[in-house]
């Protein structure tokens, strides 16, 4: 394992435990060169998921792309990396539960939005604004009003 700080390959495992989803092992590591700590996750490789894009093309599912989109939505929000990793794990778990290994990109976006809605409303709105490709401000306002209405119902 390479240290993300100094790129040294000399690291040691400090702590190992199962993640909450029970499909992932979380390892806390320490770099023997710079002494910084970082977390890695191990999961069993399963059948490869494939994404059916809007134009009908098919590509391999890329967890990194999922992470990038979610990180952009969560940027400058009080959301820990552990919560983001859990959200990503939950999305992948939901995708693997589907009947087919070919998943429409639309389904992936909807799953992400449902999970972000419960995690952080601002991140949800950011992701939805890109994902739904709002054509005008009225569509965007409508979505914000729905989020506020749900938030107000929860407070009651």
Protein backbone atom coordinates (compact mmCIF):
# COMPACT_ATOMS: atom_id res chain seq x y z
CA UNK A 1 0.00 0.00 0.00
CA UNK A 2 1.35 3.40 -0.94
CA UNK A 3 1.12 6.37 1.44
CA UNK A 4 -1.08 9.11 -0.09
CA UNK A 5 1.12 11.78 1.53
CA UNK A 6 4.73 10.81 0.73
CA UNK A 7 4.07 7.92 -1.72
CA UNK A 8 6.24 5.51 0.29
CA UNK A 9 5.37 1.82 0.05
CA UNK A 10 6.43 1.20 3.66
CA UNK A 11 3.21 1.18 5.70
CA UNK A 12 1.83 -0.86 8.53
CA UNK A 13 -1.74 -1.75 9.52
CA UNK A 14 -2.67 -0.16 12.85
CA UNK A 15 -6.32 -1.27 13.07
CA UNK A 16 -8.60 -3.59 11.07
CA UNK A 17 -12.36 -3.90 11.34
CA UNK A 18 -15.38 -4.73 9.25
CA UNK A 19 -17.17 -1.73 7.85
CA UNK A 20 -20.87 -1.28 8.63
CA UNK A 21 -21.94 -2.84 5.32
CA UNK A 22 -20.11 -6.08 6.28
CA UNK A 23 -18.84 -6.36 2.69
CA UNK A 24 -15.84 -4.14 3.28
CA UNK A 25 -12.83 -4.29 5.56
CA UNK A 26 -11.61 -0.96 6.90
CA UNK A 27 -7.90 -0.72 7.65
CA UNK A 28 -6.22 2.13 9.46
CA UNK A 29 -2.62 2.39 8.25
CA UNK A 30 0.47 4.33 9.28
CA UNK A 31 3.30 5.31 6.98
CA UNK A 32 6.65 4.17 8.35
CA UNK A 33 8.42 7.00 6.52
CA UNK A 34 6.33 10.12 7.32
CA UNK A 35 4.28 8.69 10.25
CA UNK A 36 0.96 9.98 8.84
CA UNK A 37 -2.14 7.80 9.13
CA UNK A 38 -4.73 7.03 6.50
CA UNK A 39 -7.65 4.68 5.94
CA UNK A 40 -8.04 2.05 3.23
CA UNK A 41 -10.98 -0.18 2.38
CA UNK A 42 -10.91 -3.70 0.99
CA UNK A 43 -13.85 -5.35 -0.68
CA UNK A 44 -14.36 -8.58 -2.55
CA UNK A 45 -14.34 -8.25 -6.32
CA UNK A 46 -17.62 -9.40 -7.75
CA UNK A 47 -19.14 -9.52 -11.21
CA UNK A 48 -18.36 -6.32 -13.06
CA UNK A 49 -21.19 -3.82 -13.27
CA UNK A 50 -21.78 -2.07 -16.57
CA UNK A 51 -23.42 1.31 -17.06
CA UNK A 52 -25.90 1.93 -19.87
CA UNK A 53 -25.45 5.60 -20.79
CA UNK A 54 -28.21 7.95 -22.03
CA UNK A 55 -27.05 7.48 -25.63
CA UNK A 56 -27.26 3.67 -25.31
CA UNK A 57 -23.51 3.08 -25.12
CA UNK A 58 -22.23 0.77 -22.41
CA UNK A 59 -19.15 1.24 -20.26
CA UNK A 60 -17.68 -0.42 -17.20
CA UNK A 61 -18.88 0.94 -13.87
CA UNK A 62 -16.21 3.19 -12.39
CA UNK A 63 -16.38 3.72 -8.64
CA UNK A 64 -13.97 6.66 -9.00
CA UNK A 65 -16.44 8.53 -11.23
CA UNK A 66 -19.13 7.96 -8.63
CA UNK A 67 -16.82 9.31 -5.90
CA UNK A 68 -15.88 12.38 -7.97
CA UNK A 69 -19.53 13.32 -8.55
CA UNK A 70 -20.45 12.85 -4.92
CA UNK A 71 -17.38 14.75 -3.70
CA UNK A 72 -18.26 17.70 -5.94
CA UNK A 73 -21.79 17.77 -4.53
CA UNK A 74 -20.46 17.56 -0.96
CA UNK A 75 -17.69 20.12 -1.44
CA UNK A 76 -17.42 22.60 1.47
CA UNK A 77 -20.18 20.79 3.35
CA UNK A 78 -19.79 19.37 6.88
CA UNK A 79 -19.73 15.77 5.64
CA UNK A 80 -16.94 13.43 6.71
CA UNK A 81 -15.11 11.20 4.26
CA UNK A 82 -16.37 8.21 6.23
CA UNK A 83 -19.96 9.27 5.51
CA UNK A 84 -19.15 9.79 1.84
CA UNK A 85 -17.48 6.38 1.59
CA UNK A 86 -20.50 4.81 3.32
CA UNK A 87 -22.81 6.52 0.84
CA UNK A 88 -20.72 5.20 -2.07
CA UNK A 89 -20.73 1.69 -0.57
CA UNK A 90 -24.51 1.88 -0.15
CA UNK A 91 -24.99 2.97 -3.77
CA UNK A 92 -22.80 0.13 -5.05
CA UNK A 93 -24.61 -2.37 -2.79
CA UNK A 94 -27.97 -1.20 -4.16
CA UNK A 95 -26.68 -1.56 -7.73
CA UNK A 96 -25.43 -5.08 -7.06
CA UNK A 97 -28.85 -6.05 -5.70
CA UNK A 98 -30.44 -5.31 -9.07
CA UNK A 99 -31.40 -8.20 -11.33
CA UNK A 100 -29.01 -7.18 -14.09
CA UNK A 101 -25.33 -6.29 -14.12
CA UNK A 102 -26.15 -3.64 -16.75
CA UNK A 103 -27.54 -0.60 -14.95
CA UNK A 104 -28.93 2.51 -16.65
CA UNK A 105 -27.06 5.68 -15.64
CA UNK A 106 -30.47 7.16 -14.78
CA UNK A 107 -30.92 4.53 -12.04
CA UNK A 108 -27.50 5.32 -10.58
CA UNK A 109 -28.31 9.04 -10.45
CA UNK A 110 -31.67 8.39 -8.76
CA UNK A 111 -30.07 6.16 -6.10
CA UNK A 112 -27.39 8.78 -5.40
CA UNK A 113 -30.01 11.53 -5.09
CA UNK A 114 -32.11 9.51 -2.63
CA UNK A 115 -29.06 8.91 -0.45
CA UNK A 116 -27.84 12.52 -0.64
CA UNK A 117 -31.32 13.78 0.25
CA UNK A 118 -31.05 12.11 3.66
CA UNK A 119 -27.37 13.01 4.12
CA UNK A 120 -27.29 16.72 3.21
CA UNK A 121 -29.92 18.86 1.47
CA UNK A 122 -27.39 21.24 -0.10
CA UNK A 123 -25.35 18.36 -1.55
CA UNK A 124 -28.59 16.86 -2.82
CA UNK A 125 -29.57 20.09 -4.59
CA UNK A 126 -26.08 20.46 -6.08
CA UNK A 127 -26.09 16.91 -7.42
CA UNK A 128 -29.67 17.16 -8.69
CA UNK A 129 -28.99 20.44 -10.47
CA UNK A 130 -26.26 18.77 -12.54
CA UNK A 131 -27.94 15.37 -12.87
CA UNK A 132 -31.37 16.67 -13.86
CA UNK A 133 -29.92 19.28 -16.24
CA UNK A 134 -32.55 21.89 -15.42
CA UNK A 135 -33.64 23.74 -18.52
CA UNK A 136 -34.81 26.82 -16.65
CA UNK A 137 -34.92 28.48 -13.24
CA UNK A 138 -38.55 27.44 -12.64
CA UNK A 139 -37.63 23.74 -12.66
CA UNK A 140 -34.83 24.45 -10.20
CA UNK A 141 -37.12 26.51 -7.93
CA UNK A 142 -39.70 23.71 -7.96
CA UNK A 143 -37.13 21.20 -6.73
CA UNK A 144 -35.92 23.55 -3.97
CA UNK A 145 -39.53 24.11 -2.83
CA UNK A 146 -40.00 20.33 -2.62
CA UNK A 147 -36.87 19.98 -0.46
CA UNK A 148 -37.99 22.83 1.83
CA UNK A 149 -41.50 21.35 2.11
CA UNK A 150 -40.08 17.95 3.12
CA UNK A 151 -37.74 19.63 5.62
CA UNK A 152 -40.66 21.57 7.17
CA UNK A 153 -42.76 18.39 7.46
CA UNK A 154 -39.92 16.64 9.28
CA UNK A 155 -39.66 19.51 11.80
CA UNK A 156 -43.36 19.22 12.73
